[in-house]
Amino acid sequence: MKLLAKALPTFNVMDQPFEIDPIVTKYIREENLTPEEQVILRDWISRGTGRQEMLDKLRLDPTWTKQNLARIEDLPTDRVWNKLESRLQGEGYWLENAPPIRRSWWRYAAAASIVIAGITLWSLYRPKTKTPAVAVTTLINDVQPGGNKATLTLADGHTIDLDSSANGIVATQGNTLVAKLDGKLAYNKAASEAPSTPAYNVLATPRAGQFTLSLPDGTRVWLNNASSLRYPVWFTGAAREVDLTGEAYFEVAKDAAHPFRVHIHNGPAGADGGAVDVLGTSFNIMAYSDENAERATLVSGSIRYSHGAATALLEPGEQSVLNARGDLKTLHGVNIDEITAWKNGFFHFDHSSLQSTMRQLARWYDITVEYRGAIPPVEFMGEIDRNLTLSAILHGIGAEQHIHFKVEGKKLIVMP
């Protein structure tokens, strides 16, 4: 079992972006600050662990500054910049025509704002460590995690509750047997020819649910919570086509003569999202309506993401991002472990914002989240087992952070 990881604070370059840069520059140069600037600086320092120590080092220890900025210069900055860009876009910021960060450490030292940005990049790329598990006291009426829950809607409209049905054959669709075994659904086509007109089934998971599916062609699909997949019980014609709402991970069986296509629905961009075309590969699609973008992430092989006239041909480790305005971007060097951890039974946080983290918890524990008060910006790192109760998760991510949680029934209240 992987350890429960505490959230780790990091510097946030989006804090007061138009005010703090010149003030920090004046502070490091030991120039006089106005009373208003002093207030802004004190507030900025108080909102991030280690900021005062960093500024003192920049002012008083030129050797430390030179060594660490030289270390930043040695990083593979294209990958780091892409990671920073991905984080900012994840919070709704688009970086148009952003230049690559390739400057000497003297250029960094010339302006404190760039120094801070460089140190932020360094913190993004530093090796990650897991902290010991924290002690957790189980709460009365604690919220339990999700599990293997789903409903199967057959071609005739009949619905089967899969989490309460026994293992074994649950339905027969034409010449195809539908079998359930411990959270997995499999379609096994008989030897006889399939009808020319396919019948469609829909596998749907609730909030706090997940399920795994094997299609008749051998394609495997992991369906995350609050998601649905519509698919034929046998594939006919030139292409294999399915319809997805929510999130799923695909391992597509290779069949060059019959390409596989995923139509995406009800994501942030509206009722009709993009489409993914593939011959045989592994990839993840996330298209929840409450997220800020529809994302297709390639693990292996090759896929083409399309939305209207816009297309993106992805290589492994790349992600297409379609925001609510219909703008399509491609991100490089994304964290595959973070994106696919859910199918392996974990939450994986890699500088995840509070809001992004809470959205994941809300879907998995079937709760609503309410924010009260001025909550400081925080980010989380580490892996947490999705089988833990909500109190255990909150205890872990709330450790050493300036945030508090309160659970009232199925409502999670987040407070400073």
Protein backbone atom coordinates (compact mmCIF):
# COMPACT_ATOMS: atom_id res chain seq x y z
CA MET A 1 0.00 0.00 0.00
CA LYS A 2 1.38 3.37 -0.90
CA LEU A 3 1.80 5.92 1.86
CA LEU A 4 -0.61 8.72 2.56
CA ALA A 5 1.19 11.84 1.38
CA LYS A 6 0.96 15.22 3.02
CA ALA A 7 0.34 18.26 0.88
CA LEU A 8 3.51 20.22 0.17
CA PRO A 9 3.32 24.02 -0.19
CA THR A 10 5.01 25.65 -3.16
CA PHE A 11 5.54 29.15 -4.45
CA ASN A 12 2.70 30.47 -6.60
CA VAL A 13 3.68 32.90 -9.35
CA MET A 14 0.06 33.97 -9.80
CA ASP A 15 -0.06 35.68 -6.37
CA GLN A 16 -0.42 39.47 -6.91
CA PRO A 17 1.36 39.25 -10.29
CA PHE A 18 1.13 42.95 -11.13
CA GLU A 19 2.19 44.30 -7.74
CA ILE A 20 4.80 42.10 -6.12
CA ASP A 21 7.53 41.96 -8.80
CA PRO A 22 8.79 45.57 -8.58
CA ILE A 23 8.37 45.57 -4.80
CA VAL A 24 10.52 42.45 -4.37
CA THR A 25 13.10 43.94 -6.72
CA LYS A 26 13.31 47.10 -4.59
CA TYR A 27 13.51 45.01 -1.40
CA ILE A 28 16.45 42.93 -2.69
CA ARG A 29 18.23 46.10 -3.82
CA GLU A 30 17.64 47.53 -0.32
CA GLU A 31 15.74 50.51 -1.69
CA ASN A 32 13.15 52.27 0.47
CA LEU A 33 9.60 50.91 0.24
CA THR A 34 6.50 53.05 0.64
CA PRO A 35 4.11 52.11 3.49
CA GLU A 36 1.72 50.59 0.94
CA GLU A 37 4.52 48.52 -0.60
CA GLN A 38 5.57 47.30 2.84
CA VAL A 39 2.02 46.06 3.50
CA ILE A 40 1.86 44.25 0.14
CA LEU A 41 5.26 42.63 0.71
CA ARG A 42 4.38 41.44 4.22
CA ASP A 43 1.13 39.97 2.92
CA TRP A 44 2.91 38.18 0.07
CA ILE A 45 5.52 36.75 2.44
CA SER A 46 2.85 35.53 4.87
CA ARG A 47 0.99 33.64 2.12
CA GLY A 48 3.82 31.24 1.24
CA THR A 49 6.04 29.05 3.37
CA GLY A 50 9.74 29.90 2.98
CA ARG A 51 9.34 33.19 1.11
CA GLN A 52 11.09 35.30 3.75
CA GLU A 53 14.01 32.86 3.85
CA MET A 54 14.24 32.95 0.08
CA LEU A 55 14.34 36.75 -0.02
CA ASP A 56 16.98 36.84 2.71
CA LYS A 57 19.13 34.44 0.72
CA LEU A 58 18.73 36.55 -2.42
CA ARG A 59 19.77 39.69 -0.52
CA LEU A 60 22.55 38.37 1.68
CA ASP A 61 24.05 35.26 0.06
CA PRO A 62 25.19 35.84 -3.55
CA THR A 63 26.93 32.45 -3.60
CA TRP A 64 23.64 30.69 -2.82
CA THR A 65 21.90 32.73 -5.53
CA LYS A 66 24.56 31.91 -8.11
CA GLN A 67 24.61 28.18 -7.32
CA ASN A 68 20.86 27.72 -7.40
CA LEU A 69 20.27 29.81 -10.48
CA ALA A 70 23.01 27.91 -12.25
CA ARG A 71 21.22 24.73 -11.25
CA ILE A 72 18.01 26.09 -12.74
CA GLU A 73 19.88 26.88 -15.96
CA ASP A 74 21.00 23.22 -16.19
CA LEU A 75 17.42 21.88 -16.05
CA PRO A 76 15.71 20.63 -19.22
CA THR A 77 13.73 23.86 -19.32
CA ASP A 78 11.52 22.98 -22.27
CA ARG A 79 9.95 20.21 -20.20
CA VAL A 80 9.78 22.37 -17.08
CA TRP A 81 8.24 25.28 -18.98
CA ASN A 82 5.65 22.94 -20.49
CA LYS A 83 4.82 21.69 -16.98
CA LEU A 84 4.39 25.24 -15.68
CA GLU A 85 2.28 26.12 -18.74
CA SER A 86 0.12 23.05 -18.13
CA ARG A 87 -0.46 24.09 -14.52
CA LEU A 88 -1.42 27.63 -15.48
CA GLN A 89 -3.73 26.46 -18.24
CA GLY A 90 -5.26 24.02 -15.77
CA GLU A 91 -6.37 27.06 -13.79
CA GLY A 92 -7.75 28.79 -16.88
CA TYR A 93 -4.70 30.84 -17.97
CA TRP A 94 -3.64 30.62 -21.63
CA LEU A 95 -0.04 31.59 -22.33
CA GLU A 96 -0.02 33.04 -25.82
CA ASN A 97 3.33 33.31 -27.62
CA ALA A 98 5.23 32.52 -24.44
CA PRO A 99 9.00 32.49 -25.06
CA PRO A 100 11.10 29.58 -23.76
CA ILE A 101 12.84 30.28 -20.48
CA ARG A 102 16.48 30.08 -21.52
CA ARG A 103 18.49 32.87 -19.96
CA SER A 104 21.75 33.07 -18.02
CA TRP A 105 21.57 33.25 -14.27
CA TRP A 106 22.75 36.84 -14.48
CA ARG A 107 19.58 37.69 -16.41
CA TYR A 108 17.57 36.04 -13.64
CA ALA A 109 19.42 37.98 -10.97
CA ALA A 110 18.67 41.25 -12.73
CA ALA A 111 14.96 41.12 -11.85
CA ALA A 112 13.58 39.53 -8.72
CA SER A 113 10.35 38.53 -10.43
CA ILE A 114 12.25 36.31 -12.84
CA VAL A 115 14.31 34.91 -9.96
CA ILE A 116 11.09 33.94 -8.18
CA ALA A 117 9.72 32.38 -11.36
CA GLY A 118 12.95 30.44 -11.77
CA ILE A 119 12.83 29.13 -8.23
CA THR A 120 9.21 28.17 -8.80
CA LEU A 121 10.30 26.16 -11.85
CA TRP A 122 13.03 24.54 -9.77
CA SER A 123 10.45 23.52 -7.16
CA LEU A 124 8.30 22.04 -9.92
CA TYR A 125 11.11 19.85 -11.21
CA ARG A 126 12.74 18.86 -7.93
CA PRO A 127 12.65 15.16 -6.99
CA LYS A 128 9.47 14.23 -5.18
CA THR A 129 9.48 12.52 -1.80
CA LYS A 130 6.74 10.75 0.03
CA THR A 131 6.21 11.53 3.70
CA PRO A 132 5.25 9.03 6.40
CA ALA A 133 1.60 8.20 6.83
CA VAL A 134 -0.22 10.46 9.27
CA ALA A 135 -2.32 9.13 12.11
CA VAL A 136 -6.03 9.31 11.35
CA THR A 137 -8.95 9.06 13.74
CA THR A 138 -12.00 7.62 12.00
CA LEU A 139 -15.04 9.86 12.33
CA ILE A 140 -18.53 8.69 13.24
CA ASN A 141 -20.63 8.56 10.04
CA ASP A 142 -17.46 8.98 8.01
CA VAL A 143 -17.88 9.17 4.23
CA GLN A 144 -16.81 5.94 2.59
CA PRO A 145 -14.92 5.82 -0.72
CA GLY A 146 -16.42 4.83 -4.03
CA GLY A 147 -16.18 1.37 -5.53
CA ASN A 148 -17.28 -0.90 -8.38
CA LYS A 149 -20.73 0.51 -9.09
CA ALA A 150 -22.42 0.83 -12.45
CA THR A 151 -25.62 0.26 -14.38
CA LEU A 152 -25.86 -1.49 -17.73
CA THR A 153 -28.61 -0.41 -20.11
CA LEU A 154 -29.35 -3.04 -22.76
CA ALA A 155 -30.49 -2.48 -26.32
CA ASP A 156 -34.16 -2.97 -25.37
CA GLY A 157 -33.92 -0.36 -22.57
CA HIS A 158 -33.74 -2.90 -19.74
CA THR A 159 -31.39 -1.76 -16.95
CA ILE A 160 -29.16 -4.01 -14.82
CA ASP A 161 -27.67 -2.87 -11.51
CA LEU A 162 -24.17 -4.34 -11.78
CA ASP A 163 -22.99 -3.64 -8.22
CA SER A 164 -25.81 -5.78 -6.78
CA SER A 165 -25.93 -8.50 -9.46
CA ALA A 166 -24.04 -11.77 -9.02
CA ASN A 167 -20.95 -12.73 -10.99
CA GLY A 168 -21.65 -14.65 -14.19
CA ILE A 169 -23.72 -14.10 -17.34
CA VAL A 170 -25.91 -11.03 -16.83
CA ALA A 171 -27.38 -10.70 -20.34
CA THR A 172 -27.42 -12.03 -23.87
CA GLN A 173 -27.33 -9.52 -26.70
CA GLY A 174 -27.90 -11.22 -30.05
CA ASN A 175 -25.00 -13.61 -30.47
CA THR A 176 -22.99 -11.96 -27.67
CA LEU A 177 -22.82 -13.04 -24.03
CA VAL A 178 -22.36 -10.32 -21.40
CA ALA A 179 -20.57 -11.51 -18.27
CA LYS A 180 -19.70 -9.78 -15.00
CA LEU A 181 -16.78 -10.70 -12.73
CA ASP A 182 -15.72 -8.58 -9.72
CA GLY A 183 -16.09 -5.10 -11.15
CA LYS A 184 -15.43 -6.08 -14.76
CA LEU A 185 -17.83 -6.51 -17.65
CA ALA A 186 -16.90 -8.59 -20.70
CA TYR A 187 -18.56 -9.12 -24.10
CA ASN A 188 -17.88 -12.52 -25.69
CA LYS A 189 -19.08 -12.90 -29.26
CA ALA A 190 -20.22 -16.34 -30.37
CA ALA A 191 -18.82 -17.99 -33.48
CA SER A 192 -21.88 -17.24 -35.62
CA GLU A 193 -22.03 -14.10 -37.75
CA ALA A 194 -23.23 -10.93 -36.06
CA PRO A 195 -26.31 -9.14 -37.41
CA SER A 196 -25.58 -6.34 -39.89
CA THR A 197 -27.30 -3.75 -37.68
CA PRO A 198 -25.61 -3.44 -34.28
CA ALA A 199 -27.39 -3.11 -30.97
CA TYR A 200 -26.08 -0.59 -28.45
CA ASN A 201 -25.48 -0.87 -24.71
CA VAL A 202 -24.64 1.89 -22.23
CA LEU A 203 -22.39 1.36 -19.20
CA ALA A 204 -22.81 4.21 -16.69
CA THR A 205 -21.08 4.82 -13.36
CA PRO A 206 -22.51 7.08 -10.64
CA ARG A 207 -20.54 9.49 -8.51
CA ALA A 208 -18.47 7.24 -6.23
CA GLY A 209 -18.49 4.51 -8.87
CA GLN A 210 -16.12 2.90 -11.37
CA PHE A 211 -16.13 -0.14 -13.65
CA THR A 212 -13.99 -1.96 -16.21
CA LEU A 213 -15.22 -3.15 -19.60
CA SER A 214 -13.91 -5.52 -22.29
CA LEU A 215 -15.50 -4.85 -25.68
CA PRO A 216 -16.10 -7.61 -28.26
CA ASP A 217 -12.97 -6.59 -30.23
CA GLY A 218 -10.74 -7.00 -27.16
CA THR A 219 -10.49 -3.28 -26.37
CA ARG A 220 -10.35 -2.64 -22.61
CA VAL A 221 -11.97 0.41 -21.03
CA TRP A 222 -11.67 1.68 -17.46
CA LEU A 223 -14.64 3.95 -16.72
CA ASN A 224 -14.15 6.49 -13.96
CA ASN A 225 -16.85 7.89 -11.66
CA ALA A 226 -19.80 9.92 -13.00
CA SER A 227 -19.15 8.67 -16.54
CA SER A 228 -20.89 6.70 -19.29
CA LEU A 229 -19.88 4.81 -22.41
CA ARG A 230 -22.26 3.94 -25.26
CA TYR A 231 -21.00 1.19 -27.56
CA PRO A 232 -22.23 -1.53 -29.95
CA VAL A 233 -22.34 -5.08 -28.59
CA TRP A 234 -20.63 -6.10 -31.86
CA PHE A 235 -18.68 -3.94 -34.28
CA THR A 236 -19.73 -3.75 -37.92
CA GLY A 237 -18.73 -1.46 -40.77
CA ALA A 238 -15.48 0.35 -41.49
CA ALA A 239 -14.91 1.86 -38.03
CA ARG A 240 -15.34 0.97 -34.37
CA GLU A 241 -17.13 3.91 -32.73
CA VAL A 242 -18.13 4.61 -29.11
CA ASP A 243 -19.53 7.63 -27.23
CA LEU A 244 -18.03 8.85 -23.94
CA THR A 245 -19.23 11.20 -21.24
CA GLY A 246 -16.91 11.84 -18.27
CA GLU A 247 -13.56 10.04 -17.99
CA ALA A 248 -12.18 6.76 -19.28
CA TYR A 249 -8.87 5.05 -19.97
CA PHE A 250 -8.66 3.00 -23.18
CA GLU A 251 -6.40 0.18 -24.30
CA VAL A 252 -7.53 -0.26 -27.89
CA ALA A 253 -7.11 -3.61 -29.65
CA LYS A 254 -5.16 -3.20 -32.87
CA ASP A 255 -7.14 -3.55 -36.08
CA ALA A 256 -5.70 -1.44 -38.90
CA ALA A 257 -8.66 -2.19 -41.13
CA HIS A 258 -11.15 -0.85 -38.58
CA PRO A 259 -9.94 2.32 -36.81
CA PHE A 260 -11.31 3.08 -33.35
CA ARG A 261 -13.05 6.41 -32.68
CA VAL A 262 -14.24 7.94 -29.40
CA HIS A 263 -16.89 10.68 -29.61
CA ILE A 264 -16.79 12.93 -26.54
CA HIS A 265 -19.97 14.51 -25.13
CA ASN A 266 -21.02 16.99 -22.42
CA GLY A 267 -17.55 18.25 -21.54
CA PRO A 268 -16.61 21.86 -20.72
CA ALA A 269 -16.99 22.89 -24.38
CA GLY A 270 -20.67 21.88 -24.48
CA ALA A 271 -22.83 18.97 -25.59
CA ASP A 272 -20.63 17.99 -28.52
CA GLY A 273 -16.97 17.79 -27.66
CA GLY A 274 -14.08 16.47 -29.69
CA ALA A 275 -13.27 13.05 -31.11
CA VAL A 276 -10.26 10.76 -30.81
CA ASP A 277 -9.17 8.52 -33.71
CA VAL A 278 -6.81 5.61 -33.06
CA LEU A 279 -5.65 2.31 -34.54
CA GLY A 280 -4.22 0.64 -31.44
CA THR A 281 -2.92 2.48 -28.40
CA SER A 282 -3.47 3.52 -24.76
CA PHE A 283 -4.87 6.90 -23.77
CA ASN A 284 -6.98 8.73 -21.20
CA ILE A 285 -9.88 11.09 -21.90
CA MET A 286 -11.29 13.44 -19.24
CA ALA A 287 -14.36 15.47 -20.18
CA TYR A 288 -16.31 16.43 -17.07
CA SER A 289 -18.61 19.42 -17.41
CA ASP A 290 -17.33 20.93 -14.12
CA GLU A 291 -13.69 20.92 -15.25
CA ASN A 292 -12.15 23.84 -17.14
CA ALA A 293 -11.01 21.81 -20.17
CA GLU A 294 -11.52 18.57 -22.08
CA ARG A 295 -8.27 16.60 -22.11
CA ALA A 296 -7.01 13.62 -24.13
CA THR A 297 -3.67 12.23 -22.93
CA LEU A 298 -1.65 9.71 -24.93
CA VAL A 299 0.24 6.99 -23.04
CA SER A 300 1.41 4.87 -25.99
CA GLY A 301 0.86 4.66 -29.73
CA SER A 302 -0.67 7.57 -31.62
CA ILE A 303 -4.03 9.34 -31.63
CA ARG A 304 -5.55 12.27 -33.45
CA TYR A 305 -7.80 14.59 -31.45
CA SER A 306 -10.23 16.71 -33.47
CA HIS A 307 -12.83 19.37 -32.72
CA GLY A 308 -14.42 20.96 -35.74
CA ALA A 309 -11.63 22.01 -38.08
CA ALA A 310 -8.98 21.95 -35.32
CA THR A 311 -6.88 18.80 -34.93
CA ALA A 312 -3.93 17.66 -32.84
CA LEU A 313 -1.80 14.59 -33.62
CA LEU A 314 -0.38 13.40 -30.29
CA GLU A 315 2.77 11.53 -29.39
CA PRO A 316 3.21 9.63 -26.08
CA GLY A 317 3.40 12.03 -23.15
CA GLU A 318 1.37 14.73 -24.92
CA GLN A 319 -2.08 16.02 -24.08
CA SER A 320 -4.68 17.87 -26.14
CA VAL A 321 -6.56 20.54 -24.19
CA LEU A 322 -9.87 21.97 -25.38
CA ASN A 323 -11.18 24.79 -23.18
CA ALA A 324 -14.76 26.02 -22.80
CA ARG A 325 -14.22 28.64 -25.56
CA GLY A 326 -13.28 25.92 -28.05
CA ASP A 327 -9.55 26.78 -28.10
CA LEU A 328 -7.37 23.72 -28.74
CA LYS A 329 -3.82 23.41 -27.38
CA THR A 330 -1.25 20.62 -27.15
CA LEU A 331 0.82 20.18 -23.98
CA HIS A 332 4.11 18.29 -23.94
CA GLY A 333 5.77 16.23 -21.21
CA VAL A 334 2.65 15.86 -19.06
CA ASN A 335 2.69 13.70 -15.92
CA ILE A 336 1.18 10.40 -17.08
CA ASP A 337 1.24 8.93 -13.54
CA GLU A 338 -0.91 11.78 -12.25
CA ILE A 339 -3.43 11.50 -15.07
CA THR A 340 -3.88 7.71 -15.00
CA ALA A 341 -3.49 7.05 -11.26
CA TRP A 342 -7.26 6.80 -10.77
CA LYS A 343 -7.50 3.55 -12.75
CA ASN A 344 -4.84 2.01 -10.47
CA GLY A 345 -6.69 2.98 -7.29
CA PHE A 346 -4.90 6.20 -6.33
CA PHE A 347 -5.23 9.95 -6.26
CA HIS A 348 -1.98 11.39 -7.61
CA PHE A 349 -1.38 15.07 -6.87
CA ASP A 350 1.48 16.86 -8.62
CA HIS A 351 1.15 20.52 -7.68
CA SER A 352 -2.63 20.12 -7.87
CA SER A 353 -4.64 23.17 -6.88
CA LEU A 354 -7.14 23.07 -4.03
CA GLN A 355 -10.07 23.40 -6.41
CA SER A 356 -8.87 20.62 -8.71
CA THR A 357 -8.27 18.35 -5.72
CA MET A 358 -11.72 19.05 -4.28
CA ARG A 359 -13.42 18.27 -7.61
CA GLN A 360 -11.81 14.84 -7.63
CA LEU A 361 -12.86 14.15 -4.04
CA ALA A 362 -16.41 15.36 -4.70
CA ARG A 363 -16.90 12.87 -7.52
CA TRP A 364 -15.30 9.92 -5.72
CA TYR A 365 -17.02 10.42 -2.35
CA ASP A 366 -20.29 11.73 -3.81
CA ILE A 367 -20.18 14.96 -1.82
CA THR A 368 -20.63 18.65 -2.51
CA VAL A 369 -17.92 21.17 -1.65
CA GLU A 370 -18.51 24.62 -0.16
CA TYR A 371 -15.78 27.25 0.32
CA ARG A 372 -16.00 29.72 3.20
CA GLY A 373 -13.72 32.64 3.98
CA ALA A 374 -10.45 33.77 2.38
CA ILE A 375 -8.69 30.49 1.70
CA PRO A 376 -4.95 30.86 0.94
CA PRO A 377 -3.62 29.38 -2.31
CA VAL A 378 -2.27 25.89 -1.67
CA GLU A 379 -1.05 23.00 -3.80
CA PHE A 380 -0.75 19.30 -3.10
CA MET A 381 1.78 16.60 -3.97
CA GLY A 382 1.83 12.88 -3.35
CA GLU A 383 -0.18 9.70 -3.84
CA ILE A 384 -3.18 8.73 -1.72
CA ASP A 385 -5.04 5.43 -1.80
CA ARG A 386 -8.60 5.91 -3.14
CA ASN A 387 -9.85 3.20 -0.76
CA LEU A 388 -9.37 5.43 2.29
CA THR A 389 -12.29 7.13 4.01
CA LEU A 390 -12.85 10.83 3.46
CA SER A 391 -11.57 11.72 6.94
CA ALA A 392 -8.28 9.96 6.19
CA ILE A 393 -7.88 11.82 2.92
CA LEU A 394 -8.66 15.18 4.53
CA HIS A 395 -6.30 14.53 7.42
CA GLY A 396 -3.53 13.81 4.96
CA ILE A 397 -3.98 16.72 2.56
CA GLY A 398 -4.76 19.21 5.33
CA ALA A 399 -1.56 18.53 7.28
CA GLU A 400 0.66 21.62 7.59
CA GLN A 401 -1.70 23.68 5.44
CA HIS A 402 -3.59 26.82 6.38
CA ILE A 403 -6.93 25.20 5.58
CA HIS A 404 -9.51 23.30 7.61
CA PHE A 405 -12.30 20.93 6.70
CA LYS A 406 -15.70 20.27 8.17
CA VAL A 407 -18.07 17.52 7.05
CA GLU A 408 -21.82 18.04 7.42
CA GLY A 409 -23.59 14.99 6.05
CA LYS A 410 -22.66 14.87 2.35
CA LYS A 411 -21.29 18.43 2.33
CA LEU A 412 -17.58 19.21 2.73
CA ILE A 413 -16.87 22.74 3.97
CA VAL A 414 -13.40 24.18 3.24
CA MET A 415 -12.24 27.03 5.51
CA PRO A 416 -9.02 28.97 6.24
